[in-house]
Amino acid sequence: MKRHYKFVLIFVPMALLISCAEMRKVTYPPNFVYIEKSDVKNTMSVFAENIFEIDRVLQGAKSDKEIDRSRIIAAMDSILSAASHLDQEKTETNHRVIDHNLDIFRQSVQQARQMAQKTPPNYYLAGQLAGQCMACHKLRRP
C-alpha cells in the first residue's frame, strides 16, 4: 500500500508539471505527429474559403476570357500553403483520413494550378476541387 502512495506522490506532480505536448513525446512513437484539432479546423477553413473563391470566380464568369486567373492561382497557392501545415512529411498522425487523403488533394491542387497557368488556361481541374472535398467529407458522415 505504501508503495502505491509513493507512486502517486511522485507521478501526479510530475504529470502536472509536464505539459501534454511533452507527455506526447514520451507516449507516442517517434514518427508519430499529433495534430491539434484546432489546427485541422483552421486549415480546413482555409481550404473551404479558397475552394469557394475558386467556384465564385469560375461561376461568375460568362466566358473563359472573363475568368480572373490571378484570383484562382492565388486561391490554390493559399490551399497549398495551408496543406503544408498539416503535411507531416509522410509520418503518421492522429488523423488517419488526413494521412490518407492530403497528399492526393495537394497533388490535385498542384495539377489544377499548372493547368490554370497554361496558355490558354484550362480550369477544368480547378472546378473539380470542390468535388474532392465533398468525396472525402462524405466518408465521415453517418
C-alpha atoms as a PDB file:
ATOM      1  CA  MET A   1       0.000   0.000   0.000  1.00  0.00           C
ATOM      2  CA  LYS A   2       2.846   2.408   0.835  1.00  0.00           C
ATOM      3  CA  ARG A   3       4.366   1.658  -2.497  1.00  0.00           C
ATOM      4  CA  HIS A   4       1.161   2.781  -4.236  1.00  0.00           C
ATOM      5  CA  TYR A   5       1.184   6.107  -2.381  1.00  0.00           C
ATOM      6  CA  LYS A   6       4.815   6.713  -3.289  1.00  0.00           C
ATOM      7  CA  PHE A   7       3.986   6.172  -6.924  1.00  0.00           C
ATOM      8  CA  VAL A   8       1.029   8.557  -6.750  1.00  0.00           C
ATOM      9  CA  LEU A   9       3.053  11.157  -4.860  1.00  0.00           C
ATOM     10  CA  ILE A  10       5.783  11.037  -7.466  1.00  0.00           C
ATOM     11  CA  PHE A  11       3.764  10.544 -10.652  1.00  0.00           C
ATOM     12  CA  VAL A  12       0.927  13.031 -10.137  1.00  0.00           C
ATOM     13  CA  PRO A  13       3.111  16.098  -9.536  1.00  0.00           C
ATOM     14  CA  MET A  14       5.336  15.013 -12.406  1.00  0.00           C
ATOM     15  CA  ALA A  15       2.346  14.665 -14.721  1.00  0.00           C
ATOM     16  CA  LEU A  16       1.095  18.074 -13.685  1.00  0.00           C
ATOM     17  CA  LEU A  17       4.460  19.646 -14.405  1.00  0.00           C
ATOM     18  CA  ILE A  18       4.862  18.077 -17.798  1.00  0.00           C
ATOM     19  CA  SER A  19       2.693  19.589 -20.493  1.00  0.00           C
ATOM     20  CA  CYS A  20       0.551  17.436 -22.734  1.00  0.00           C
ATOM     21  CA  ALA A  21       2.880  18.128 -25.649  1.00  0.00           C
ATOM     22  CA  GLU A  22       5.843  16.912 -23.650  1.00  0.00           C
ATOM     23  CA  MET A  23       3.880  13.890 -22.485  1.00  0.00           C
ATOM     24  CA  ARG A  24       3.114  13.015 -26.108  1.00  0.00           C
ATOM     25  CA  LYS A  25       6.835  12.898 -26.851  1.00  0.00           C
ATOM     26  CA  VAL A  26       7.106  10.102 -24.325  1.00  0.00           C
ATOM     27  CA  THR A  27       3.875   8.238 -25.058  1.00  0.00           C
ATOM     28  CA  TYR A  28       3.794   8.289 -28.895  1.00  0.00           C
ATOM     29  CA  PRO A  29       6.297   6.670 -31.251  1.00  0.00           C
ATOM     30  CA  PRO A  30       8.989   8.961 -32.704  1.00  0.00           C
ATOM     31  CA  ASN A  31       7.464   9.043 -36.203  1.00  0.00           C
ATOM     32  CA  PHE A  32       4.005   9.996 -34.877  1.00  0.00           C
ATOM     33  CA  VAL A  33       2.900  13.623 -35.068  1.00  0.00           C
ATOM     34  CA  TYR A  34      -0.049  14.814 -33.006  1.00  0.00           C
ATOM     35  CA  ILE A  35      -2.066  17.458 -34.857  1.00  0.00           C
ATOM     36  CA  GLU A  36      -4.281  19.599 -32.680  1.00  0.00           C
ATOM     37  CA  LYS A  37      -7.982  19.683 -33.534  1.00  0.00           C
ATOM     38  CA  SER A  38      -7.819  23.475 -33.822  1.00  0.00           C
ATOM     39  CA  ASP A  39      -5.039  23.193 -36.439  1.00  0.00           C
ATOM     40  CA  VAL A  40      -7.179  20.841 -38.510  1.00  0.00           C
ATOM     41  CA  LYS A  41     -10.206  23.101 -38.188  1.00  0.00           C
ATOM     42  CA  ASN A  42      -8.244  26.218 -39.163  1.00  0.00           C
ATOM     43  CA  THR A  43      -6.645  24.517 -42.151  1.00  0.00           C
ATOM     44  CA  MET A  44      -9.954  23.101 -43.354  1.00  0.00           C
ATOM     45  CA  SER A  45     -11.443  26.604 -43.072  1.00  0.00           C
ATOM     46  CA  VAL A  46      -8.672  27.945 -45.319  1.00  0.00           C
ATOM     47  CA  PHE A  47      -9.379  25.130 -47.791  1.00  0.00           C
ATOM     48  CA  ALA A  48     -13.109  25.910 -47.782  1.00  0.00           C
ATOM     49  CA  GLU A  49     -12.666  29.682 -48.178  1.00  0.00           C
ATOM     50  CA  ASN A  50     -10.377  29.218 -51.153  1.00  0.00           C
ATOM     51  CA  ILE A  51     -12.478  26.498 -52.793  1.00  0.00           C
ATOM     52  CA  PHE A  52     -15.470  28.854 -52.538  1.00  0.00           C
ATOM     53  CA  GLU A  53     -13.352  31.629 -54.060  1.00  0.00           C
ATOM     54  CA  ILE A  54     -12.419  29.402 -56.998  1.00  0.00           C
ATOM     55  CA  ASP A  55     -16.064  28.458 -57.502  1.00  0.00           C
ATOM     56  CA  ARG A  56     -17.171  32.127 -57.299  1.00  0.00           C
ATOM     57  CA  VAL A  57     -14.639  33.174 -59.914  1.00  0.00           C
ATOM     58  CA  LEU A  58     -15.489  30.296 -62.255  1.00  0.00           C
ATOM     59  CA  GLN A  59     -19.249  30.566 -61.895  1.00  0.00           C
ATOM     60  CA  GLY A  60     -19.298  34.355 -62.080  1.00  0.00           C
ATOM     61  CA  ALA A  61     -17.606  34.486 -65.472  1.00  0.00           C
ATOM     62  CA  LYS A  62     -19.666  34.330 -68.645  1.00  0.00           C
ATOM     63  CA  SER A  63     -16.690  33.122 -70.690  1.00  0.00           C
ATOM     64  CA  ASP A  64     -13.152  31.856 -70.133  1.00  0.00           C
ATOM     65  CA  LYS A  65     -11.831  35.288 -71.056  1.00  0.00           C
ATOM     66  CA  GLU A  66     -13.651  36.847 -68.081  1.00  0.00           C
ATOM     67  CA  ILE A  67     -12.092  34.472 -65.560  1.00  0.00           C
ATOM     68  CA  ASP A  68      -9.580  36.190 -63.301  1.00  0.00           C
ATOM     69  CA  ARG A  69      -6.713  33.713 -63.484  1.00  0.00           C
ATOM     70  CA  SER A  70      -4.714  35.500 -60.785  1.00  0.00           C
ATOM     71  CA  ARG A  71      -7.517  35.012 -58.214  1.00  0.00           C
ATOM     72  CA  ILE A  72      -7.751  31.310 -58.989  1.00  0.00           C
ATOM     73  CA  ILE A  73      -3.993  30.801 -58.771  1.00  0.00           C
ATOM     74  CA  ALA A  74      -3.820  32.826 -55.538  1.00  0.00           C
ATOM     75  CA  ALA A  75      -6.567  30.678 -54.031  1.00  0.00           C
ATOM     76  CA  MET A  76      -4.729  27.497 -55.000  1.00  0.00           C
ATOM     77  CA  ASP A  77      -1.497  28.887 -53.553  1.00  0.00           C
ATOM     78  CA  SER A  78      -3.318  29.518 -50.264  1.00  0.00           C
ATOM     79  CA  ILE A  79      -4.621  25.957 -50.270  1.00  0.00           C
ATOM     80  CA  LEU A  80      -1.141  24.556 -50.882  1.00  0.00           C
ATOM     81  CA  SER A  81       0.334  26.725 -48.159  1.00  0.00           C
ATOM     82  CA  ALA A  82      -2.323  25.619 -45.660  1.00  0.00           C
ATOM     83  CA  ALA A  83      -1.837  21.971 -46.654  1.00  0.00           C
ATOM     84  CA  SER A  84       1.840  22.235 -45.788  1.00  0.00           C
ATOM     85  CA  HIS A  85       0.847  22.882 -42.157  1.00  0.00           C
ATOM     86  CA  LEU A  86      -0.891  19.519 -41.971  1.00  0.00           C
ATOM     87  CA  ASP A  87       1.555  17.604 -44.133  1.00  0.00           C
ATOM     88  CA  GLN A  88       3.898  15.924 -41.729  1.00  0.00           C
ATOM     89  CA  GLU A  89       6.455  14.525 -44.175  1.00  0.00           C
ATOM     90  CA  LYS A  90       4.890  11.100 -44.594  1.00  0.00           C
ATOM     91  CA  THR A  91       4.701  10.417 -40.880  1.00  0.00           C
ATOM     92  CA  GLU A  92       1.671   9.039 -39.127  1.00  0.00           C
ATOM     93  CA  THR A  93      -0.656  11.471 -37.362  1.00  0.00           C
ATOM     94  CA  ASN A  94      -3.740  11.181 -35.198  1.00  0.00           C
ATOM     95  CA  HIS A  95      -5.915  11.956 -38.256  1.00  0.00           C
ATOM     96  CA  ARG A  96      -5.929   8.883 -40.478  1.00  0.00           C
ATOM     97  CA  VAL A  97      -8.294  10.405 -43.054  1.00  0.00           C
ATOM     98  CA  ILE A  98      -5.925  13.341 -43.463  1.00  0.00           C
ATOM     99  CA  ASP A  99      -2.937  10.991 -43.612  1.00  0.00           C
ATOM    100  CA  HIS A 100      -4.625   9.059 -46.400  1.00  0.00           C
ATOM    101  CA  ASN A 101      -6.047  11.933 -48.471  1.00  0.00           C
ATOM    102  CA  LEU A 102      -3.944  15.061 -48.001  1.00  0.00           C
ATOM    103  CA  ASP A 103      -1.209  14.123 -50.457  1.00  0.00           C
ATOM    104  CA  ILE A 104      -3.785  13.204 -53.116  1.00  0.00           C
ATOM    105  CA  PHE A 105      -5.616  16.503 -52.582  1.00  0.00           C
ATOM    106  CA  ARG A 106      -2.387  18.510 -52.725  1.00  0.00           C
ATOM    107  CA  GLN A 107      -1.383  16.815 -55.976  1.00  0.00           C
ATOM    108  CA  SER A 108      -4.797  17.646 -57.440  1.00  0.00           C
ATOM    109  CA  VAL A 109      -4.412  21.298 -56.467  1.00  0.00           C
ATOM    110  CA  GLN A 110      -0.924  21.394 -57.985  1.00  0.00           C
ATOM    111  CA  GLN A 111      -2.206  19.884 -61.233  1.00  0.00           C
ATOM    112  CA  ALA A 112      -5.142  22.300 -61.335  1.00  0.00           C
ATOM    113  CA  ARG A 113      -2.745  25.183 -60.754  1.00  0.00           C
ATOM    114  CA  GLN A 114      -0.485  24.051 -63.604  1.00  0.00           C
ATOM    115  CA  MET A 115      -3.468  23.796 -65.943  1.00  0.00           C
ATOM    116  CA  ALA A 116      -4.675  27.272 -64.940  1.00  0.00           C
ATOM    117  CA  GLN A 117      -1.245  28.717 -65.711  1.00  0.00           C
ATOM    118  CA  LYS A 118      -1.151  27.343 -69.250  1.00  0.00           C
ATOM    119  CA  THR A 119      -1.861  29.471 -72.287  1.00  0.00           C
ATOM    120  CA  PRO A 120      -4.730  29.230 -72.890  1.00  0.00           C
ATOM    121  CA  PRO A 121      -5.684  28.341 -69.316  1.00  0.00           C
ATOM    122  CA  ASN A 122      -7.701  25.235 -68.540  1.00  0.00           C
ATOM    123  CA  TYR A 123      -9.906  25.488 -65.429  1.00  0.00           C
ATOM    124  CA  TYR A 124     -11.452  22.034 -65.614  1.00  0.00           C
ATOM    125  CA  LEU A 125      -9.385  20.588 -62.736  1.00  0.00           C
ATOM    126  CA  ALA A 126      -9.876  23.737 -60.645  1.00  0.00           C
ATOM    127  CA  GLY A 127     -13.618  23.253 -60.982  1.00  0.00           C
ATOM    128  CA  GLN A 128     -13.332  19.692 -59.689  1.00  0.00           C
ATOM    129  CA  LEU A 129     -11.546  20.553 -56.424  1.00  0.00           C
ATOM    130  CA  ALA A 130     -14.785  21.132 -54.510  1.00  0.00           C
ATOM    131  CA  GLY A 131     -15.914  17.653 -55.519  1.00  0.00           C
ATOM    132  CA  GLN A 132     -12.809  16.167 -53.957  1.00  0.00           C
ATOM    133  CA  CYS A 133     -13.618  17.906 -50.689  1.00  0.00           C
ATOM    134  CA  MET A 134     -17.142  16.524 -50.764  1.00  0.00           C
ATOM    135  CA  ALA A 135     -15.942  12.996 -51.545  1.00  0.00           C
ATOM    136  CA  CYS A 136     -13.574  12.977 -48.571  1.00  0.00           C
ATOM    137  CA  HIS A 137     -16.009  14.569 -46.136  1.00  0.00           C
ATOM    138  CA  LYS A 138     -18.824  12.308 -47.278  1.00  0.00           C
ATOM    139  CA  LEU A 139     -16.836   9.404 -45.833  1.00  0.00           C
ATOM    140  CA  ARG A 140     -17.115  10.959 -42.377  1.00  0.00           C
ATOM    141  CA  ARG A 141     -20.896  11.472 -42.381  1.00  0.00           C
ATOM    142  CA  PRO A 142     -23.181   8.788 -40.919  1.00  0.00           C
END
